[in-house]
Amino acid sequence: MSFHYGQGYPGRGNPPPGAQYGGGHAPYGHQPSAPYGGAPGAYGAPAYGGQYGHGPGSAPGGPYGGYGAQLHGGHYGHHAPAGNVPPGVNPEAYQWFHTVDTDRSGFINPKELKQALVNSNWSAFNDETCLMMINMFDKTRSGRIDMFGFSALWDFMQRWKALFQQYDRDRSGCISSTELHQALAQMGYNLSPQFSETVVQRFTLRGGRPGIQLDRFIQVCTQLQTMTQVFRERDTNMTGNVRMSYEDFLSGTISRLM
């Protein structure tokens, strides 16, 4: 699976980068339109330069404002080799790639990514989100990503992290149902507060305060965008209603996430 990088990412309505990474499959995460979407451009990411649309940022999930996801790389100890950063690769992503690539294979697999990423409470990112992100940026369908894919994943996480920070108003490290509803509205979704409550109830950690952490936030929003894209492809008249078989819907969704 491959995407037009920059489409489907959170942002403030700026034009998405035009470059592709990993092939010519259908673009991912177009802006939804009424009646189930908001203003055009709601998904547009900042148009950074470079082939892969990389922009400034810290490590994937790096701490912001004292909270949020962090790269838990202290026990790896690998340093990037001296030399020039390949064209199209974020320099900071280049440095962290060699930290996360623990077996020095030149690729990062879901296990290595999971070992590196933690939420604000130092819990590891869940398996589903790590696998989803690897699959999204795996242009060879090998179950792992190279340095270019990691650089693109880096930017993907930076944009989600920025939106997460924007709506985690109490700096708790979790998004409440109210905060999630506000974030989804900014992305153009015309969904009820009850929908956000259902999502938060589903992913709240047992015994914890109600809310979802960054890993689940990324997972939920990405899957929601994918399902919206499948719906929009069938809703050619933009009525907000379509007829499709269950298998047709599943096939369209799976082809974009796996």
Protein backbone atom coordinates (compact mmCIF):
# COMPACT_ATOMS: atom_id res chain seq x y z
CA MET A 1 0.00 0.00 0.00
CA SER A 2 1.28 3.47 -0.78
CA PHE A 3 -0.02 6.96 -0.30
CA HIS A 4 0.29 10.51 -1.52
CA TYR A 5 2.20 11.69 1.53
CA GLY A 6 0.57 14.72 3.07
CA GLN A 7 -2.99 13.73 2.20
CA GLY A 8 -4.91 12.44 5.13
CA TYR A 9 -2.70 14.12 7.69
CA PRO A 10 -3.92 16.67 10.19
CA GLY A 11 -3.22 20.25 9.37
CA ARG A 12 -4.74 23.65 8.87
CA GLY A 13 -5.89 23.42 5.28
CA ASN A 14 -2.54 23.94 3.54
CA PRO A 15 -2.02 22.22 0.19
CA PRO A 16 -0.60 18.69 0.53
CA PRO A 17 2.70 17.76 -1.06
CA GLY A 18 2.32 16.29 -4.51
CA ALA A 19 5.07 13.68 -4.41
CA GLN A 20 4.28 10.00 -4.12
CA TYR A 21 6.16 7.38 -2.19
CA GLY A 22 6.12 3.77 -3.20
CA GLY A 23 3.87 3.56 -6.24
CA GLY A 24 0.69 4.74 -7.81
CA HIS A 25 -2.11 3.40 -5.68
CA ALA A 26 -5.14 5.52 -4.94
CA PRO A 27 -4.50 8.64 -2.85
CA TYR A 28 -5.27 8.36 0.83
CA GLY A 29 -7.26 10.60 3.10
CA HIS A 30 -8.94 13.11 0.79
CA GLN A 31 -10.95 15.88 2.35
CA PRO A 32 -14.52 14.81 3.12
CA SER A 33 -17.25 17.08 1.86
CA ALA A 34 -20.74 17.79 3.12
CA PRO A 35 -22.90 16.21 4.42
CA TYR A 36 -20.36 14.06 6.22
CA GLY A 37 -17.38 16.34 6.03
CA GLY A 38 -16.29 19.86 6.61
CA ALA A 39 -14.54 22.59 4.72
CA PRO A 40 -12.22 21.57 1.88
CA GLY A 41 -8.63 21.28 2.97
CA ALA A 42 -9.38 20.04 6.45
CA TYR A 43 -6.94 17.15 6.02
CA GLY A 44 -4.22 19.05 4.24
CA ALA A 45 -0.76 18.80 5.71
CA PRO A 46 1.86 21.52 5.70
CA ALA A 47 3.56 21.50 2.32
CA TYR A 48 7.15 20.92 3.28
CA GLY A 49 9.78 20.67 0.61
CA GLY A 50 11.55 17.58 -0.56
CA GLN A 51 10.52 14.41 -2.34
CA TYR A 52 8.92 12.88 0.73
CA GLY A 53 7.47 16.03 2.16
CA HIS A 54 9.63 16.01 5.27
CA GLY A 55 9.63 18.99 7.54
CA PRO A 56 11.12 20.15 10.78
CA GLY A 57 10.47 18.13 13.86
CA SER A 58 11.91 16.12 16.68
CA ALA A 59 12.10 12.35 16.99
CA PRO A 60 8.99 10.37 16.08
CA GLY A 61 6.66 10.94 18.96
CA GLY A 62 9.29 13.07 20.64
CA PRO A 63 8.26 14.89 23.80
CA TYR A 64 6.45 18.16 23.37
CA GLY A 65 5.58 20.42 26.23
CA GLY A 66 6.74 17.81 28.71
CA TYR A 67 4.34 15.09 27.60
CA GLY A 68 3.35 12.96 24.66
CA ALA A 69 4.99 10.02 22.93
CA GLN A 70 8.72 9.63 23.18
CA LEU A 71 11.40 7.55 21.53
CA HIS A 72 12.64 5.17 24.17
CA GLY A 73 16.06 4.70 22.63
CA GLY A 74 18.43 4.98 25.54
CA HIS A 75 19.35 1.30 25.69
CA TYR A 76 20.16 0.94 22.00
CA GLY A 77 23.28 3.04 21.79
CA HIS A 78 23.71 2.86 18.00
CA HIS A 79 24.86 6.02 16.30
CA ALA A 80 24.30 7.05 12.71
CA PRO A 81 27.37 6.56 10.53
CA ALA A 82 29.23 9.63 9.45
CA GLY A 83 28.32 10.95 6.04
CA ASN A 84 25.72 12.89 4.18
CA VAL A 85 22.03 12.37 4.83
CA PRO A 86 20.38 10.83 1.74
CA PRO A 87 18.28 13.26 -0.32
CA GLY A 88 14.65 13.31 0.77
CA VAL A 89 15.40 12.05 4.30
CA ASN A 90 14.75 14.17 7.36
CA PRO A 91 18.15 14.63 9.10
CA GLU A 92 16.71 13.87 12.54
CA ALA A 93 14.89 10.83 11.17
CA TYR A 94 18.23 9.70 9.73
CA GLN A 95 19.83 9.85 13.17
CA TRP A 96 16.98 8.03 14.89
CA PHE A 97 16.70 5.39 12.17
CA HIS A 98 20.07 4.00 13.19
CA THR A 99 19.01 4.01 16.83
CA VAL A 100 15.77 2.14 16.20
CA ASP A 101 17.36 -0.32 13.73
CA THR A 102 18.67 -2.53 16.51
CA ASP A 103 19.75 -5.43 14.28
CA ARG A 104 21.43 -3.04 11.83
CA SER A 105 19.63 -4.63 8.92
CA GLY A 106 18.91 -1.34 7.23
CA PHE A 107 15.20 -1.83 7.89
CA ILE A 108 12.79 -1.34 10.79
CA ASN A 109 10.15 -3.94 11.60
CA PRO A 110 7.07 -3.60 13.83
CA LYS A 111 8.89 -5.07 16.84
CA GLU A 112 11.70 -2.54 16.61
CA LEU A 113 9.24 0.31 16.20
CA LYS A 114 7.21 -0.86 19.19
CA GLN A 115 10.34 -1.11 21.35
CA ALA A 116 11.23 2.47 20.46
CA LEU A 117 7.90 4.29 20.90
CA VAL A 118 6.26 4.99 24.24
CA ASN A 119 3.35 7.16 25.33
CA SER A 120 3.58 9.90 27.93
CA ASN A 121 3.06 7.38 30.75
CA TRP A 122 5.92 5.25 29.36
CA SER A 123 3.55 2.55 28.09
CA ALA A 124 4.62 1.09 24.76
CA PHE A 125 2.67 1.88 21.63
CA ASN A 126 0.10 -0.84 20.98
CA ASP A 127 0.83 -3.56 18.44
CA GLU A 128 -2.02 -2.56 16.12
CA THR A 129 -0.80 1.01 15.66
CA CYS A 130 2.81 -0.03 15.09
CA LEU A 131 1.83 -2.62 12.50
CA MET A 132 -0.55 -0.19 10.81
CA MET A 133 2.15 2.45 10.45
CA ILE A 134 4.70 -0.04 9.14
CA ASN A 135 2.20 -1.26 6.54
CA MET A 136 1.35 2.28 5.49
CA PHE A 137 4.96 3.13 4.65
CA ASP A 138 6.16 -0.30 3.48
CA LYS A 139 6.48 0.17 -0.28
CA THR A 140 7.76 -3.38 -0.85
CA ARG A 141 5.15 -5.22 1.26
CA SER A 142 7.99 -6.91 3.13
CA GLY A 143 6.69 -6.09 6.62
CA ARG A 144 9.42 -3.55 7.27
CA ILE A 145 10.43 -0.05 6.20
CA ASP A 146 13.66 1.41 4.92
CA MET A 147 15.15 4.75 5.81
CA PHE A 148 12.95 6.65 3.35
CA GLY A 149 9.82 5.01 4.70
CA PHE A 150 10.90 5.78 8.25
CA SER A 151 11.47 9.42 7.35
CA ALA A 152 7.94 9.61 5.94
CA LEU A 153 6.55 7.84 9.02
CA TRP A 154 8.39 10.39 11.14
CA ASP A 155 6.56 13.25 9.45
CA PHE A 156 3.26 11.39 9.69
CA MET A 157 3.66 11.08 13.45
CA GLN A 158 4.78 14.68 13.87
CA ARG A 159 1.58 15.95 12.33
CA TRP A 160 -0.65 13.70 14.41
CA LYS A 161 1.34 14.59 17.49
CA ALA A 162 0.84 18.31 16.85
CA LEU A 163 -2.92 17.84 16.56
CA PHE A 164 -2.94 15.67 19.69
CA GLN A 165 -1.10 18.38 21.59
CA GLN A 166 -3.47 21.05 20.32
CA TYR A 167 -6.52 19.30 21.73
CA ASP A 168 -5.03 17.80 24.89
CA ARG A 169 -5.83 21.08 26.58
CA ASP A 170 -5.29 19.89 30.15
CA ARG A 171 -1.88 18.40 29.24
CA SER A 172 -2.90 15.05 30.71
CA GLY A 173 -1.29 12.99 27.95
CA CYS A 174 -4.76 11.69 27.02
CA ILE A 175 -7.53 12.94 24.75
CA SER A 176 -10.97 13.01 26.36
CA SER A 177 -14.17 12.39 24.42
CA THR A 178 -14.83 16.14 24.30
CA GLU A 179 -11.33 16.84 23.04
CA LEU A 180 -11.61 14.04 20.47
CA HIS A 181 -14.90 15.44 19.20
CA GLN A 182 -13.28 18.85 18.74
CA ALA A 183 -10.31 17.34 16.92
CA LEU A 184 -12.52 15.33 14.56
CA ALA A 185 -14.59 18.42 13.84
CA GLN A 186 -11.42 20.30 12.86
CA MET A 187 -10.57 17.48 10.46
CA GLY A 188 -13.94 17.93 8.80
CA TYR A 189 -16.01 15.12 10.32
CA ASN A 190 -19.63 15.86 11.11
CA LEU A 191 -19.98 13.26 13.86
CA SER A 192 -21.94 13.28 17.10
CA PRO A 193 -20.40 13.65 20.57
CA GLN A 194 -21.73 10.16 21.27
CA PHE A 195 -19.43 8.76 18.58
CA SER A 196 -16.38 10.21 20.33
CA GLU A 197 -17.61 8.90 23.68
CA THR A 198 -17.92 5.41 22.21
CA VAL A 199 -14.38 5.56 20.82
CA VAL A 200 -12.91 6.75 24.10
CA GLN A 201 -14.78 4.11 26.10
CA ARG A 202 -13.48 1.43 23.75
CA PHE A 203 -9.82 2.39 24.13
CA THR A 204 -9.60 3.73 27.69
CA LEU A 205 -7.06 1.72 29.65
CA ARG A 206 -8.58 -0.45 32.35
CA GLY A 207 -8.48 1.35 35.67
CA GLY A 208 -7.28 4.58 34.07
CA ARG A 209 -8.91 7.93 33.57
CA PRO A 210 -11.20 8.12 30.51
CA GLY A 211 -9.24 9.09 27.44
CA ILE A 212 -7.02 7.79 24.65
CA GLN A 213 -3.28 8.18 24.37
CA LEU A 214 -1.37 9.16 21.25
CA ASP A 215 -1.01 5.65 19.85
CA ARG A 216 -4.76 5.03 19.88
CA PHE A 217 -5.43 8.56 18.64
CA ILE A 218 -3.29 7.89 15.57
CA GLN A 219 -4.92 4.51 15.04
CA VAL A 220 -8.50 5.77 15.36
CA CYS A 221 -8.07 8.84 13.16
CA THR A 222 -6.19 6.98 10.43
CA GLN A 223 -8.76 4.21 10.28
CA LEU A 224 -11.57 6.76 10.26
CA GLN A 225 -9.99 8.54 7.31
CA THR A 226 -9.60 5.25 5.47
CA MET A 227 -13.23 4.27 5.96
CA THR A 228 -14.33 7.76 4.91
CA GLN A 229 -12.32 7.47 1.70
CA VAL A 230 -13.96 4.13 0.88
CA PHE A 231 -17.36 5.69 1.50
CA ARG A 232 -16.64 8.75 -0.62
CA GLU A 233 -15.54 6.65 -3.58
CA ARG A 234 -19.02 5.12 -3.66
CA ASP A 235 -20.92 8.28 -2.77
CA THR A 236 -20.42 9.86 -6.20
CA ASN A 237 -23.42 12.17 -5.81
CA MET A 238 -22.27 13.36 -2.37
CA THR A 239 -25.59 12.51 -0.75
CA GLY A 240 -24.18 10.91 2.39
CA ASN A 241 -25.75 7.56 1.46
CA VAL A 242 -24.32 4.60 -0.45
CA ARG A 243 -25.16 0.98 -1.14
CA MET A 244 -22.33 -1.54 -1.01
CA SER A 245 -21.83 -5.05 0.21
CA TYR A 246 -20.12 -5.74 3.51
CA GLU A 247 -17.28 -7.52 1.69
CA ASP A 248 -16.85 -4.61 -0.72
CA PHE A 249 -16.49 -2.22 2.20
CA LEU A 250 -14.00 -4.48 3.98
CA SER A 251 -11.95 -4.96 0.81
CA GLY A 252 -11.68 -1.23 0.24
CA THR A 253 -10.64 -0.62 3.83
CA ILE A 254 -8.12 -3.45 4.08
CA SER A 255 -6.45 -2.51 0.81
CA ARG A 256 -5.55 0.86 2.30
CA LEU A 257 -4.36 -0.25 5.72
CA MET A 258 -2.60 -3.53 4.94
